[in-house]
Structures are given as C-alpha cells and as structure tokens.
C-alpha cells in the first residue's frame, strides 16, 4: 500500500525510476512535481477509463434530467415560440446597444 507521501513524485524521480513510478500510478493517481510545483497527474489506464466512463454517465444523466424537465415545462404550456424568443433577444441587443 502506498503512503500519502508516495502520491507525490518529482520529475527527477520519474526520470530516475520510471518503471517504479508507473507501477505506483496503477494503484492510485500520482502528482508529478517540478521545482516543488505540481505539473501533471499520472494515473493508470484502467483508472482513466473508469473516470471517462463515469463522466459519460453523469453527462447523460444530466442531459436526461434536463430533457425530462423541458418536456414537463412544454406539457404544462410553459414555453415561448421561436418568434417570441427572437423578439426577446433582439430587444435585449437593442437595450445593450442603447446603453453602450
């Protein structure tokens, strides 16, 4: 098991023993530093793929939520027509231009 201090590796450590650093990166994300400042994260392919999959699921859940909310609003008659939206946008632009 890695200690918390093992989460941080320097660019020198990475150059000195890349195989060990890559092995540790398979266990948990690592912070790579240069001159004492964080410069990159290093993580294993499986963890990266899992993060991308989770992000994909969350994005689709958010989209599904907003679509369902939009459908409820539409069904309740709470919407504007395209013409009304265009008129409102043009009025806003005119207001901005007159106040500039």
N, C-alpha and C. Protein backbone atom coordinates (compact mmCIF):
# COMPACT_ATOMS: atom_id res chain seq x y z
N UNK A 1 0.84 -1.18 0.00
CA UNK A 1 0.00 0.00 0.00
C UNK A 1 0.88 1.25 0.00
N UNK A 2 0.53 2.20 -0.81
CA UNK A 2 1.29 3.44 -0.88
C UNK A 2 0.97 4.36 0.29
N UNK A 3 1.98 5.06 0.77
CA UNK A 3 1.77 6.09 1.78
C UNK A 3 1.36 7.37 1.06
N UNK A 4 0.73 8.30 1.80
CA UNK A 4 0.30 9.56 1.20
C UNK A 4 1.47 10.27 0.54
N UNK A 5 2.63 10.23 1.15
CA UNK A 5 3.80 10.89 0.56
C UNK A 5 4.18 10.27 -0.78
N UNK A 6 3.77 9.03 -1.02
CA UNK A 6 4.06 8.37 -2.29
C UNK A 6 3.16 8.86 -3.42
N UNK A 7 2.16 9.66 -3.11
CA UNK A 7 1.28 10.20 -4.14
C UNK A 7 1.99 11.28 -4.93
N UNK A 8 3.03 11.86 -4.35
CA UNK A 8 3.75 12.95 -4.97
C UNK A 8 5.12 12.44 -5.41
N UNK A 9 5.41 12.65 -6.70
CA UNK A 9 6.72 12.28 -7.23
C UNK A 9 7.29 13.48 -7.97
N UNK A 10 8.58 13.60 -7.95
CA UNK A 10 9.22 14.70 -8.66
C UNK A 10 9.54 14.26 -10.09
N UNK A 11 9.77 15.25 -10.93
CA UNK A 11 10.17 14.92 -12.29
C UNK A 11 11.51 14.16 -12.29
N UNK A 12 12.35 14.43 -11.30
CA UNK A 12 13.62 13.71 -11.16
C UNK A 12 13.37 12.25 -10.82
N UNK A 13 12.42 11.99 -9.88
CA UNK A 13 12.05 10.61 -9.54
C UNK A 13 11.57 9.87 -10.78
N UNK A 14 10.77 10.55 -11.58
CA UNK A 14 10.21 9.94 -12.79
C UNK A 14 11.32 9.58 -13.76
N UNK A 15 12.32 10.43 -13.89
CA UNK A 15 13.44 10.15 -14.79
C UNK A 15 14.33 9.04 -14.23
N UNK A 16 14.49 9.03 -12.92
CA UNK A 16 15.38 8.08 -12.27
C UNK A 16 14.82 6.65 -12.29
N UNK A 17 13.52 6.48 -12.01
CA UNK A 17 12.94 5.14 -11.93
C UNK A 17 11.53 5.13 -12.51
N UNK A 18 11.42 5.28 -13.84
CA UNK A 18 10.08 5.35 -14.44
C UNK A 18 9.24 4.10 -14.22
N UNK A 19 9.87 2.93 -14.19
CA UNK A 19 9.10 1.69 -14.00
C UNK A 19 8.41 1.64 -12.64
N UNK A 20 9.11 2.08 -11.60
CA UNK A 20 8.52 2.10 -10.26
C UNK A 20 7.38 3.12 -10.21
N UNK A 21 7.57 4.28 -10.80
CA UNK A 21 6.54 5.31 -10.80
C UNK A 21 5.32 4.81 -11.57
N UNK A 22 5.54 4.17 -12.72
CA UNK A 22 4.42 3.62 -13.49
C UNK A 22 3.67 2.56 -12.70
N UNK A 23 4.40 1.75 -11.95
CA UNK A 23 3.77 0.73 -11.10
C UNK A 23 2.87 1.39 -10.06
N UNK A 24 3.38 2.45 -9.41
CA UNK A 24 2.59 3.16 -8.40
C UNK A 24 1.36 3.83 -9.03
N UNK A 25 1.51 4.32 -10.25
CA UNK A 25 0.40 5.01 -10.93
C UNK A 25 -0.74 4.05 -11.25
N UNK A 26 -0.46 2.75 -11.26
CA UNK A 26 -1.53 1.77 -11.48
C UNK A 26 -2.39 1.61 -10.23
N UNK A 27 -1.86 2.01 -9.08
CA UNK A 27 -2.56 1.84 -7.82
C UNK A 27 -3.39 3.06 -7.43
N UNK A 28 -2.90 4.25 -7.77
CA UNK A 28 -3.61 5.49 -7.43
C UNK A 28 -3.01 6.62 -8.26
N UNK A 29 -3.77 7.70 -8.44
CA UNK A 29 -3.22 8.83 -9.19
C UNK A 29 -2.01 9.41 -8.46
N UNK A 30 -1.05 9.83 -9.23
CA UNK A 30 0.14 10.47 -8.67
C UNK A 30 0.21 11.91 -9.13
N UNK A 31 0.80 12.75 -8.31
CA UNK A 31 1.05 14.14 -8.66
C UNK A 31 2.53 14.25 -8.99
N UNK A 32 2.82 14.69 -10.20
CA UNK A 32 4.20 14.88 -10.61
C UNK A 32 4.54 16.36 -10.41
N UNK A 33 5.66 16.61 -9.73
CA UNK A 33 6.06 17.99 -9.47
C UNK A 33 7.37 18.30 -10.18
N UNK A 34 7.55 19.57 -10.47
CA UNK A 34 8.82 20.08 -10.98
C UNK A 34 9.12 21.34 -10.18
N UNK A 35 10.29 21.40 -9.61
CA UNK A 35 10.70 22.53 -8.77
C UNK A 35 9.68 22.79 -7.65
N UNK A 36 9.13 21.70 -7.09
CA UNK A 36 8.23 21.81 -5.96
C UNK A 36 6.79 22.16 -6.31
N UNK A 37 6.49 22.31 -7.59
CA UNK A 37 5.14 22.69 -8.00
C UNK A 37 4.49 21.56 -8.80
N UNK A 38 3.21 21.30 -8.55
CA UNK A 38 2.52 20.27 -9.33
C UNK A 38 2.50 20.64 -10.81
N UNK A 39 2.82 19.66 -11.66
CA UNK A 39 2.83 19.91 -13.10
C UNK A 39 1.94 18.95 -13.87
N UNK A 40 1.67 17.77 -13.28
CA UNK A 40 0.87 16.78 -14.01
C UNK A 40 0.34 15.73 -13.03
N UNK A 41 -0.71 15.08 -13.47
CA UNK A 41 -1.20 13.89 -12.78
C UNK A 41 -0.85 12.69 -13.62
N UNK A 42 -0.55 11.59 -12.96
CA UNK A 42 -0.27 10.35 -13.66
C UNK A 42 -1.18 9.29 -13.06
N UNK A 43 -1.92 8.58 -13.92
CA UNK A 43 -2.78 7.52 -13.43
C UNK A 43 -2.82 6.40 -14.45
N UNK A 44 -3.18 5.23 -13.97
CA UNK A 44 -3.23 4.07 -14.83
C UNK A 44 -4.36 4.15 -15.84
N UNK A 45 -4.22 3.38 -16.90
CA UNK A 45 -5.20 3.38 -17.98
C UNK A 45 -6.57 2.94 -17.48
N UNK A 46 -6.62 1.92 -16.65
CA UNK A 46 -7.91 1.44 -16.14
C UNK A 46 -8.62 2.54 -15.34
N UNK A 47 -7.89 3.26 -14.52
CA UNK A 47 -8.50 4.33 -13.73
C UNK A 47 -8.96 5.47 -14.64
N UNK A 48 -8.16 5.81 -15.63
CA UNK A 48 -8.54 6.85 -16.57
C UNK A 48 -9.81 6.46 -17.32
N UNK A 49 -9.85 5.21 -17.79
CA UNK A 49 -11.05 4.74 -18.49
C UNK A 49 -12.27 4.77 -17.58
N UNK A 50 -12.10 4.40 -16.31
CA UNK A 50 -13.22 4.42 -15.36
C UNK A 50 -13.71 5.85 -15.13
N UNK A 51 -12.78 6.80 -15.06
CA UNK A 51 -13.16 8.20 -14.88
C UNK A 51 -13.93 8.69 -16.09
N UNK A 52 -13.45 8.37 -17.29
CA UNK A 52 -14.15 8.79 -18.50
C UNK A 52 -15.55 8.17 -18.58
N UNK A 53 -15.67 6.91 -18.21
CA UNK A 53 -16.98 6.25 -18.24
C UNK A 53 -17.93 6.91 -17.25
N UNK A 54 -17.43 7.21 -16.05
CA UNK A 54 -18.26 7.87 -15.04
C UNK A 54 -18.70 9.25 -15.52
N UNK A 55 -17.80 9.98 -16.14
CA UNK A 55 -18.13 11.30 -16.69
C UNK A 55 -19.20 11.18 -17.76
N UNK A 56 -19.07 10.18 -18.61
CA UNK A 56 -20.06 9.94 -19.66
C UNK A 56 -21.44 9.67 -19.06
N UNK A 57 -21.48 8.83 -18.03
CA UNK A 57 -22.74 8.51 -17.36
C UNK A 57 -23.34 9.76 -16.73
N UNK A 58 -22.51 10.55 -16.06
CA UNK A 58 -23.01 11.76 -15.41
C UNK A 58 -23.53 12.77 -16.44
N UNK A 59 -22.82 12.92 -17.55
CA UNK A 59 -23.26 13.86 -18.58
C UNK A 59 -24.61 13.43 -19.15
N UNK A 60 -24.77 12.13 -19.40
CA UNK A 60 -26.03 11.66 -19.94
C UNK A 60 -27.17 11.74 -18.93
N UNK A 61 -26.86 11.52 -17.66
CA UNK A 61 -27.88 11.65 -16.62
C UNK A 61 -28.34 13.10 -16.53
N UNK A 62 -27.41 14.02 -16.62
CA UNK A 62 -27.74 15.45 -16.57
C UNK A 62 -28.59 15.83 -17.78
N UNK A 63 -28.20 15.36 -18.95
CA UNK A 63 -28.96 15.64 -20.16
C UNK A 63 -30.36 15.06 -20.06
N UNK A 64 -30.48 13.81 -19.59
CA UNK A 64 -31.79 13.18 -19.46
C UNK A 64 -32.67 13.96 -18.49
N UNK A 65 -32.07 14.44 -17.41
CA UNK A 65 -32.82 15.24 -16.43
C UNK A 65 -33.36 16.51 -17.07
N UNK A 66 -32.51 17.20 -17.82
CA UNK A 66 -32.92 18.46 -18.45
C UNK A 66 -33.96 18.22 -19.55
N UNK A 67 -33.83 17.14 -20.28
CA UNK A 67 -34.83 16.83 -21.30
C UNK A 67 -36.19 16.55 -20.65
N UNK A 68 -36.19 15.77 -19.58
CA UNK A 68 -37.43 15.47 -18.89
C UNK A 68 -38.06 16.74 -18.32
N UNK A 69 -37.22 17.60 -17.76
CA UNK A 69 -37.72 18.87 -17.22
C UNK A 69 -38.31 19.73 -18.34
N UNK A 70 -37.64 19.77 -19.48
CA UNK A 70 -38.16 20.52 -20.61
C UNK A 70 -39.47 19.98 -21.12
N UNK A 71 -39.61 18.67 -21.15
CA UNK A 71 -40.87 18.06 -21.58
C UNK A 71 -42.00 18.40 -20.62
N UNK A 72 -41.71 18.39 -19.31
CA UNK A 72 -42.73 18.76 -18.32
C UNK A 72 -43.16 20.22 -18.51
N UNK A 73 -42.19 21.09 -18.72
CA UNK A 73 -42.49 22.51 -18.93
C UNK A 73 -43.35 22.68 -20.19
N UNK A 74 -42.98 22.00 -21.25
CA UNK A 74 -43.72 22.11 -22.50
C UNK A 74 -45.16 21.61 -22.32
N UNK A 75 -45.29 20.44 -21.68
CA UNK A 75 -46.61 19.87 -21.45
C UNK A 75 -47.50 20.78 -20.62
N UNK A 76 -46.89 21.56 -19.72
CA UNK A 76 -47.68 22.46 -18.88
C UNK A 76 -47.95 23.80 -19.57
N UNK A 77 -47.46 23.94 -20.80
CA UNK A 77 -47.69 25.17 -21.55
C UNK A 77 -46.70 26.28 -21.23
N UNK A 78 -45.67 25.96 -20.49
CA UNK A 78 -44.67 26.95 -20.10
C UNK A 78 -43.53 26.96 -21.13
N UNK A 79 -43.74 27.68 -22.23
CA UNK A 79 -42.73 27.79 -23.27
C UNK A 79 -42.97 29.07 -24.05
N UNK A 80 -41.99 29.45 -24.86
CA UNK A 80 -42.15 30.58 -25.77
C UNK A 80 -41.93 30.06 -27.18
N UNK A 81 -42.55 30.73 -28.13
CA UNK A 81 -42.37 30.33 -29.52
C UNK A 81 -41.02 30.85 -30.01
N UNK A 82 -40.60 30.35 -31.15
CA UNK A 82 -39.36 30.81 -31.74
C UNK A 82 -39.43 32.32 -32.02
N UNK A 83 -40.55 32.76 -32.52
CA UNK A 83 -40.70 34.18 -32.81
C UNK A 83 -40.59 35.02 -31.54
N UNK A 84 -41.19 34.55 -30.44
CA UNK A 84 -41.10 35.27 -29.17
C UNK A 84 -39.66 35.30 -28.66
N UNK A 85 -38.94 34.20 -28.83
CA UNK A 85 -37.55 34.15 -28.38
C UNK A 85 -36.69 35.11 -29.20
N UNK A 86 -36.92 35.14 -30.51
CA UNK A 86 -36.16 36.05 -31.37
C UNK A 86 -36.46 37.50 -30.99
N UNK A 87 -37.72 37.83 -30.78
CA UNK A 87 -38.09 39.19 -30.39
C UNK A 87 -37.45 39.58 -29.06
N UNK A 88 -37.42 38.67 -28.11
CA UNK A 88 -36.81 38.96 -26.81
C UNK A 88 -35.30 39.17 -26.95
N UNK A 89 -34.66 38.35 -27.78
CA UNK A 89 -33.22 38.50 -28.00
C UNK A 89 -32.91 39.83 -28.67
N UNK A 90 -33.67 40.18 -29.68
CA UNK A 90 -33.45 41.45 -30.37
C UNK A 90 -33.68 42.64 -29.45
N UNK A 91 -34.68 42.56 -28.59
CA UNK A 91 -34.93 43.63 -27.62
C UNK A 91 -33.75 43.77 -26.66
N UNK A 92 -33.20 42.65 -26.25
CA UNK A 92 -32.03 42.68 -25.36
C UNK A 92 -30.83 43.29 -26.03
N UNK A 93 -30.60 42.95 -27.30
CA UNK A 93 -29.48 43.52 -28.04
C UNK A 93 -29.65 45.02 -28.22
N UNK A 94 -30.86 45.44 -28.52
CA UNK A 94 -31.12 46.87 -28.69
C UNK A 94 -30.90 47.62 -27.38
N UNK A 95 -31.31 47.02 -26.28
CA UNK A 95 -31.10 47.63 -24.97
C UNK A 95 -29.61 47.77 -24.67
N UNK A 96 -28.84 46.75 -25.00
CA UNK A 96 -27.39 46.80 -24.79
C UNK A 96 -26.76 47.89 -25.64
N UNK A 97 -27.17 47.98 -26.90
CA UNK A 97 -26.61 48.98 -27.80
C UNK A 97 -26.95 50.39 -27.34
N UNK A 98 -28.16 50.60 -26.85
CA UNK A 98 -28.57 51.95 -26.43
C UNK A 98 -27.89 52.36 -25.12
N UNK A 99 -27.49 51.40 -24.30
CA UNK A 99 -26.84 51.74 -23.04
C UNK A 99 -25.32 51.83 -23.18
N UNK A 100 -24.80 51.46 -24.33
CA UNK A 100 -23.34 51.48 -24.54
C UNK A 100 -22.81 52.82 -24.93
